[in-house]
């Protein structure tokens, strides 16, 4: 199994980053392969394509005004568009 952890926070020291680091540490202890991406450091098209390679995707985001971060919204819209083009399985 291979897990993808996506951090949707601009704050590298915030609660979302801490949660992602804890998830990564747990997966490492369990000897489960994983990759950790920060959506503010990666191109959204790259991430949208890359997540197809994983069995599990964990999306971590801070909640601002009752909704997720801008980076997670952008990724969500890209996935929806790809699904409409039948590029997402």
C-alpha atoms as a PDB file:
ATOM      1  CA  UNK A   1       0.000   0.000   0.000  1.00  0.00           C
ATOM      2  CA  UNK A   2       1.187   3.535  -0.753  1.00  0.00           C
ATOM      3  CA  UNK A   3      -0.241   6.624   0.981  1.00  0.00           C
ATOM      4  CA  UNK A   4      -0.199  10.240  -0.169  1.00  0.00           C
ATOM      5  CA  UNK A   5      -0.434  12.958   2.499  1.00  0.00           C
ATOM      6  CA  UNK A   6      -1.441  16.399   1.205  1.00  0.00           C
ATOM      7  CA  UNK A   7      -0.967  19.418   3.444  1.00  0.00           C
ATOM      8  CA  UNK A   8      -3.157  22.370   2.493  1.00  0.00           C
ATOM      9  CA  UNK A   9      -1.652  24.849   4.941  1.00  0.00           C
ATOM     10  CA  UNK A  10       0.596  27.822   4.248  1.00  0.00           C
ATOM     11  CA  UNK A  11       1.961  27.621   7.809  1.00  0.00           C
ATOM     12  CA  UNK A  12       4.805  25.067   7.965  1.00  0.00           C
ATOM     13  CA  UNK A  13       4.675  25.083  11.785  1.00  0.00           C
ATOM     14  CA  UNK A  14       0.916  25.075  12.267  1.00  0.00           C
ATOM     15  CA  UNK A  15      -1.492  22.422  13.489  1.00  0.00           C
ATOM     16  CA  UNK A  16      -2.089  21.026  10.000  1.00  0.00           C
ATOM     17  CA  UNK A  17       1.644  20.520   9.421  1.00  0.00           C
ATOM     18  CA  UNK A  18       1.994  18.888  12.833  1.00  0.00           C
ATOM     19  CA  UNK A  19      -0.889  16.534  12.038  1.00  0.00           C
ATOM     20  CA  UNK A  20       0.715  15.609   8.690  1.00  0.00           C
ATOM     21  CA  UNK A  21       4.056  14.958  10.381  1.00  0.00           C
ATOM     22  CA  UNK A  22       2.341  12.747  12.970  1.00  0.00           C
ATOM     23  CA  UNK A  23       0.561  10.798  10.219  1.00  0.00           C
ATOM     24  CA  UNK A  24       3.878  10.371   8.384  1.00  0.00           C
ATOM     25  CA  UNK A  25       5.602   9.168  11.565  1.00  0.00           C
ATOM     26  CA  UNK A  26       2.825   6.629  12.178  1.00  0.00           C
ATOM     27  CA  UNK A  27       3.015   5.335   8.603  1.00  0.00           C
ATOM     28  CA  UNK A  28       6.797   5.062   8.885  1.00  0.00           C
ATOM     29  CA  UNK A  29       6.457   3.080  12.139  1.00  0.00           C
ATOM     30  CA  UNK A  30       3.976   0.774  10.409  1.00  0.00           C
ATOM     31  CA  UNK A  31       6.412   0.398   7.474  1.00  0.00           C
ATOM     32  CA  UNK A  32       3.847   1.805   5.041  1.00  0.00           C
ATOM     33  CA  UNK A  33       5.214   3.724   2.051  1.00  0.00           C
ATOM     34  CA  UNK A  34       4.084   7.349   1.903  1.00  0.00           C
ATOM     35  CA  UNK A  35       4.832  10.706   0.341  1.00  0.00           C
ATOM     36  CA  UNK A  36       4.050  14.093   1.850  1.00  0.00           C
ATOM     37  CA  UNK A  37       3.247  17.082  -0.368  1.00  0.00           C
ATOM     38  CA  UNK A  38       2.576  20.677   0.605  1.00  0.00           C
ATOM     39  CA  UNK A  39      -0.012  22.079  -1.802  1.00  0.00           C
ATOM     40  CA  UNK A  40       1.536  25.525  -1.473  1.00  0.00           C
ATOM     41  CA  UNK A  41       4.885  24.213  -2.726  1.00  0.00           C
ATOM     42  CA  UNK A  42       3.709  22.018  -5.616  1.00  0.00           C
ATOM     43  CA  UNK A  43       1.933  22.752  -8.892  1.00  0.00           C
ATOM     44  CA  UNK A  44      -1.713  21.724  -8.665  1.00  0.00           C
ATOM     45  CA  UNK A  45      -1.604  19.915 -12.039  1.00  0.00           C
ATOM     46  CA  UNK A  46       1.365  17.841 -10.851  1.00  0.00           C
ATOM     47  CA  UNK A  47      -0.409  16.859  -7.611  1.00  0.00           C
ATOM     48  CA  UNK A  48      -3.682  16.060  -9.403  1.00  0.00           C
ATOM     49  CA  UNK A  49      -1.815  13.639 -11.679  1.00  0.00           C
ATOM     50  CA  UNK A  50       0.452  12.272  -8.954  1.00  0.00           C
ATOM     51  CA  UNK A  51      -2.351  11.224  -6.587  1.00  0.00           C
ATOM     52  CA  UNK A  52      -3.550   8.661  -9.128  1.00  0.00           C
ATOM     53  CA  UNK A  53      -0.526   6.540  -8.137  1.00  0.00           C
ATOM     54  CA  UNK A  54      -1.617   6.096  -4.510  1.00  0.00           C
ATOM     55  CA  UNK A  55      -3.949   3.668  -2.808  1.00  0.00           C
ATOM     56  CA  UNK A  56      -4.872   6.166  -0.073  1.00  0.00           C
ATOM     57  CA  UNK A  57      -4.902   9.973  -0.120  1.00  0.00           C
ATOM     58  CA  UNK A  58      -5.040  11.952   3.120  1.00  0.00           C
ATOM     59  CA  UNK A  59      -5.959  15.618   2.688  1.00  0.00           C
ATOM     60  CA  UNK A  60      -5.190  17.829   5.679  1.00  0.00           C
ATOM     61  CA  UNK A  61      -6.397  21.418   5.672  1.00  0.00           C
ATOM     62  CA  UNK A  62      -7.004  24.195   8.145  1.00  0.00           C
ATOM     63  CA  UNK A  63     -10.575  25.453   8.189  1.00  0.00           C
ATOM     64  CA  UNK A  64     -11.023  29.130   7.396  1.00  0.00           C
ATOM     65  CA  UNK A  65     -14.522  30.626   7.555  1.00  0.00           C
ATOM     66  CA  UNK A  66     -16.082  27.155   7.592  1.00  0.00           C
ATOM     67  CA  UNK A  67     -14.209  25.979   4.470  1.00  0.00           C
ATOM     68  CA  UNK A  68     -10.859  24.478   3.507  1.00  0.00           C
ATOM     69  CA  UNK A  69      -7.765  26.371   2.368  1.00  0.00           C
ATOM     70  CA  UNK A  70      -7.442  27.875  -1.118  1.00  0.00           C
ATOM     71  CA  UNK A  71      -4.868  25.263  -2.156  1.00  0.00           C
ATOM     72  CA  UNK A  72      -7.246  22.401  -1.301  1.00  0.00           C
ATOM     73  CA  UNK A  73     -10.123  24.162  -3.109  1.00  0.00           C
ATOM     74  CA  UNK A  74      -7.945  24.521  -6.207  1.00  0.00           C
ATOM     75  CA  UNK A  75      -6.938  20.843  -6.131  1.00  0.00           C
ATOM     76  CA  UNK A  76     -10.559  19.800  -5.634  1.00  0.00           C
ATOM     77  CA  UNK A  77     -11.648  21.824  -8.676  1.00  0.00           C
ATOM     78  CA  UNK A  78      -8.816  20.368 -10.786  1.00  0.00           C
ATOM     79  CA  UNK A  79      -9.875  16.822  -9.861  1.00  0.00           C
ATOM     80  CA  UNK A  80     -13.508  17.628 -10.697  1.00  0.00           C
ATOM     81  CA  UNK A  81     -12.447  18.991 -14.094  1.00  0.00           C
ATOM     82  CA  UNK A  82     -10.297  15.930 -14.762  1.00  0.00           C
ATOM     83  CA  UNK A  83     -13.185  13.655 -13.829  1.00  0.00           C
ATOM     84  CA  UNK A  84     -15.365  15.497 -16.342  1.00  0.00           C
ATOM     85  CA  UNK A  85     -12.700  14.851 -18.972  1.00  0.00           C
ATOM     86  CA  UNK A  86     -12.591  11.195 -17.822  1.00  0.00           C
ATOM     87  CA  UNK A  87      -8.908  11.415 -16.872  1.00  0.00           C
ATOM     88  CA  UNK A  88      -9.560  10.296 -13.299  1.00  0.00           C
ATOM     89  CA  UNK A  89     -10.183   6.631 -12.583  1.00  0.00           C
END
